[in-house]
């Protein structure tokens, strides 16, 4: 059972890294006011929309130095990381 849980959390960890990476790219695109009509920007927004959807409307956006700090993206990234580490602490014992 321990090997199975380690395998599951290893896979989930890799998925978390991928999700956090694409959320990070989306955050940078939003902060730098990337053109949402550009194909690559549309792609990142389409890929990450389902990741941030549960967090829409929790916080307002903040403008810092002319760039948008999208608190929805930040709250999603923090929540997914916390959920992973809490679940790992509960289920994987050393």
C-alpha atoms as a PDB file:
ATOM      1  CA  UNK A   1       0.000   0.000   0.000  1.00  0.00           C
ATOM      2  CA  UNK A   2       2.827   2.404   0.805  1.00  0.00           C
ATOM      3  CA  UNK A   3       4.408   1.894  -2.602  1.00  0.00           C
ATOM      4  CA  UNK A   4       1.085   2.593  -4.294  1.00  0.00           C
ATOM      5  CA  UNK A   5       0.562   5.807  -2.314  1.00  0.00           C
ATOM      6  CA  UNK A   6       4.108   6.931  -3.065  1.00  0.00           C
ATOM      7  CA  UNK A   7       3.512   6.289  -6.760  1.00  0.00           C
ATOM      8  CA  UNK A   8       0.190   8.181  -6.704  1.00  0.00           C
ATOM      9  CA  UNK A   9       1.695  11.179  -4.940  1.00  0.00           C
ATOM     10  CA  UNK A  10       4.705  11.105  -7.254  1.00  0.00           C
ATOM     11  CA  UNK A  11       2.368  11.382 -10.253  1.00  0.00           C
ATOM     12  CA  UNK A  12       0.252  14.039  -8.497  1.00  0.00           C
ATOM     13  CA  UNK A  13       3.431  15.981  -7.711  1.00  0.00           C
ATOM     14  CA  UNK A  14       4.380  16.049 -11.378  1.00  0.00           C
ATOM     15  CA  UNK A  15       0.859  17.182 -12.297  1.00  0.00           C
ATOM     16  CA  UNK A  16       1.101  19.903  -9.646  1.00  0.00           C
ATOM     17  CA  UNK A  17       4.400  21.135 -11.106  1.00  0.00           C
ATOM     18  CA  UNK A  18       2.832  21.293 -14.565  1.00  0.00           C
ATOM     19  CA  UNK A  19      -0.276  23.103 -13.280  1.00  0.00           C
ATOM     20  CA  UNK A  20       1.777  25.590 -11.256  1.00  0.00           C
ATOM     21  CA  UNK A  21       3.990  26.224 -14.291  1.00  0.00           C
ATOM     22  CA  UNK A  22       1.128  27.061 -16.638  1.00  0.00           C
ATOM     23  CA  UNK A  23      -0.503  29.184 -13.923  1.00  0.00           C
ATOM     24  CA  UNK A  24       2.819  30.993 -13.531  1.00  0.00           C
ATOM     25  CA  UNK A  25       2.954  31.711 -17.257  1.00  0.00           C
ATOM     26  CA  UNK A  26      -0.634  32.991 -17.148  1.00  0.00           C
ATOM     27  CA  UNK A  27       0.246  35.211 -14.185  1.00  0.00           C
ATOM     28  CA  UNK A  28       3.207  36.726 -16.046  1.00  0.00           C
ATOM     29  CA  UNK A  29       1.114  37.240 -19.195  1.00  0.00           C
ATOM     30  CA  UNK A  30      -1.573  39.063 -17.177  1.00  0.00           C
ATOM     31  CA  UNK A  31       0.988  41.152 -15.276  1.00  0.00           C
ATOM     32  CA  UNK A  32       2.701  42.255 -18.471  1.00  0.00           C
ATOM     33  CA  UNK A  33      -0.673  43.067 -20.101  1.00  0.00           C
ATOM     34  CA  UNK A  34      -0.188  40.566 -22.915  1.00  0.00           C
ATOM     35  CA  UNK A  35      -2.558  40.950 -25.853  1.00  0.00           C
ATOM     36  CA  UNK A  36      -5.419  38.465 -25.233  1.00  0.00           C
ATOM     37  CA  UNK A  37      -6.039  38.268 -28.994  1.00  0.00           C
ATOM     38  CA  UNK A  38      -2.575  36.747 -29.617  1.00  0.00           C
ATOM     39  CA  UNK A  39      -2.767  33.023 -30.319  1.00  0.00           C
ATOM     40  CA  UNK A  40      -0.246  31.933 -27.665  1.00  0.00           C
ATOM     41  CA  UNK A  41      -1.980  34.034 -25.014  1.00  0.00           C
ATOM     42  CA  UNK A  42      -5.364  32.582 -26.004  1.00  0.00           C
ATOM     43  CA  UNK A  43      -3.857  29.107 -25.699  1.00  0.00           C
ATOM     44  CA  UNK A  44      -2.558  29.683 -22.168  1.00  0.00           C
ATOM     45  CA  UNK A  45      -5.844  31.241 -21.094  1.00  0.00           C
ATOM     46  CA  UNK A  46      -7.827  28.327 -22.555  1.00  0.00           C
ATOM     47  CA  UNK A  47      -5.563  25.737 -20.913  1.00  0.00           C
ATOM     48  CA  UNK A  48      -5.724  27.386 -17.494  1.00  0.00           C
ATOM     49  CA  UNK A  49      -9.351  28.539 -17.379  1.00  0.00           C
ATOM     50  CA  UNK A  50     -10.548  25.317 -15.736  1.00  0.00           C
ATOM     51  CA  UNK A  51      -7.794  25.606 -13.105  1.00  0.00           C
ATOM     52  CA  UNK A  52      -8.820  29.064 -11.946  1.00  0.00           C
ATOM     53  CA  UNK A  53     -12.593  28.777 -12.446  1.00  0.00           C
ATOM     54  CA  UNK A  54     -13.346  27.686  -8.840  1.00  0.00           C
ATOM     55  CA  UNK A  55     -11.530  30.771  -7.532  1.00  0.00           C
ATOM     56  CA  UNK A  56     -13.202  33.430  -9.703  1.00  0.00           C
ATOM     57  CA  UNK A  57     -14.661  36.323  -7.755  1.00  0.00           C
ATOM     58  CA  UNK A  58     -12.913  35.654  -4.445  1.00  0.00           C
ATOM     59  CA  UNK A  59     -10.531  38.615  -4.703  1.00  0.00           C
ATOM     60  CA  UNK A  60     -10.275  41.681  -6.897  1.00  0.00           C
ATOM     61  CA  UNK A  61      -7.366  42.290  -9.220  1.00  0.00           C
ATOM     62  CA  UNK A  62      -4.649  44.641  -8.015  1.00  0.00           C
ATOM     63  CA  UNK A  63      -2.677  46.982 -10.273  1.00  0.00           C
ATOM     64  CA  UNK A  64       0.994  47.365  -9.365  1.00  0.00           C
ATOM     65  CA  UNK A  65       3.440  49.373 -11.464  1.00  0.00           C
ATOM     66  CA  UNK A  66       0.972  49.327 -14.353  1.00  0.00           C
ATOM     67  CA  UNK A  67       0.666  45.521 -14.362  1.00  0.00           C
ATOM     68  CA  UNK A  68      -2.281  43.469 -13.181  1.00  0.00           C
ATOM     69  CA  UNK A  69      -1.601  41.194 -10.216  1.00  0.00           C
ATOM     70  CA  UNK A  70      -4.281  38.574 -10.782  1.00  0.00           C
ATOM     71  CA  UNK A  71      -5.156  37.379  -7.289  1.00  0.00           C
ATOM     72  CA  UNK A  72      -7.376  34.655  -8.731  1.00  0.00           C
ATOM     73  CA  UNK A  73      -4.331  32.965 -10.266  1.00  0.00           C
ATOM     74  CA  UNK A  74      -2.335  33.380  -7.060  1.00  0.00           C
ATOM     75  CA  UNK A  75      -5.114  31.966  -4.886  1.00  0.00           C
ATOM     76  CA  UNK A  76      -5.524  28.979  -7.234  1.00  0.00           C
ATOM     77  CA  UNK A  77      -1.788  28.229  -7.231  1.00  0.00           C
ATOM     78  CA  UNK A  78      -1.576  28.466  -3.439  1.00  0.00           C
ATOM     79  CA  UNK A  79      -4.711  26.368  -2.901  1.00  0.00           C
ATOM     80  CA  UNK A  80      -3.550  23.548  -5.197  1.00  0.00           C
ATOM     81  CA  UNK A  81      -0.114  23.415  -3.573  1.00  0.00           C
ATOM     82  CA  UNK A  82      -1.584  23.437  -0.056  1.00  0.00           C
ATOM     83  CA  UNK A  83      -4.100  20.728  -0.924  1.00  0.00           C
ATOM     84  CA  UNK A  84      -1.338  18.523  -2.331  1.00  0.00           C
ATOM     85  CA  UNK A  85       0.969  18.909   0.657  1.00  0.00           C
ATOM     86  CA  UNK A  86      -1.815  18.448   3.210  1.00  0.00           C
ATOM     87  CA  UNK A  87      -3.047  15.283   1.493  1.00  0.00           C
ATOM     88  CA  UNK A  88       0.505  13.982   1.227  1.00  0.00           C
ATOM     89  CA  UNK A  89       1.118  14.644   4.921  1.00  0.00           C
ATOM     90  CA  UNK A  90      -2.068  12.786   5.826  1.00  0.00           C
ATOM     91  CA  UNK A  91      -1.644   9.730   3.609  1.00  0.00           C
ATOM     92  CA  UNK A  92       2.111   9.201   3.220  1.00  0.00           C
ATOM     93  CA  UNK A  93       3.822   8.190   6.437  1.00  0.00           C
ATOM     94  CA  UNK A  94       7.572   7.658   6.642  1.00  0.00           C
END
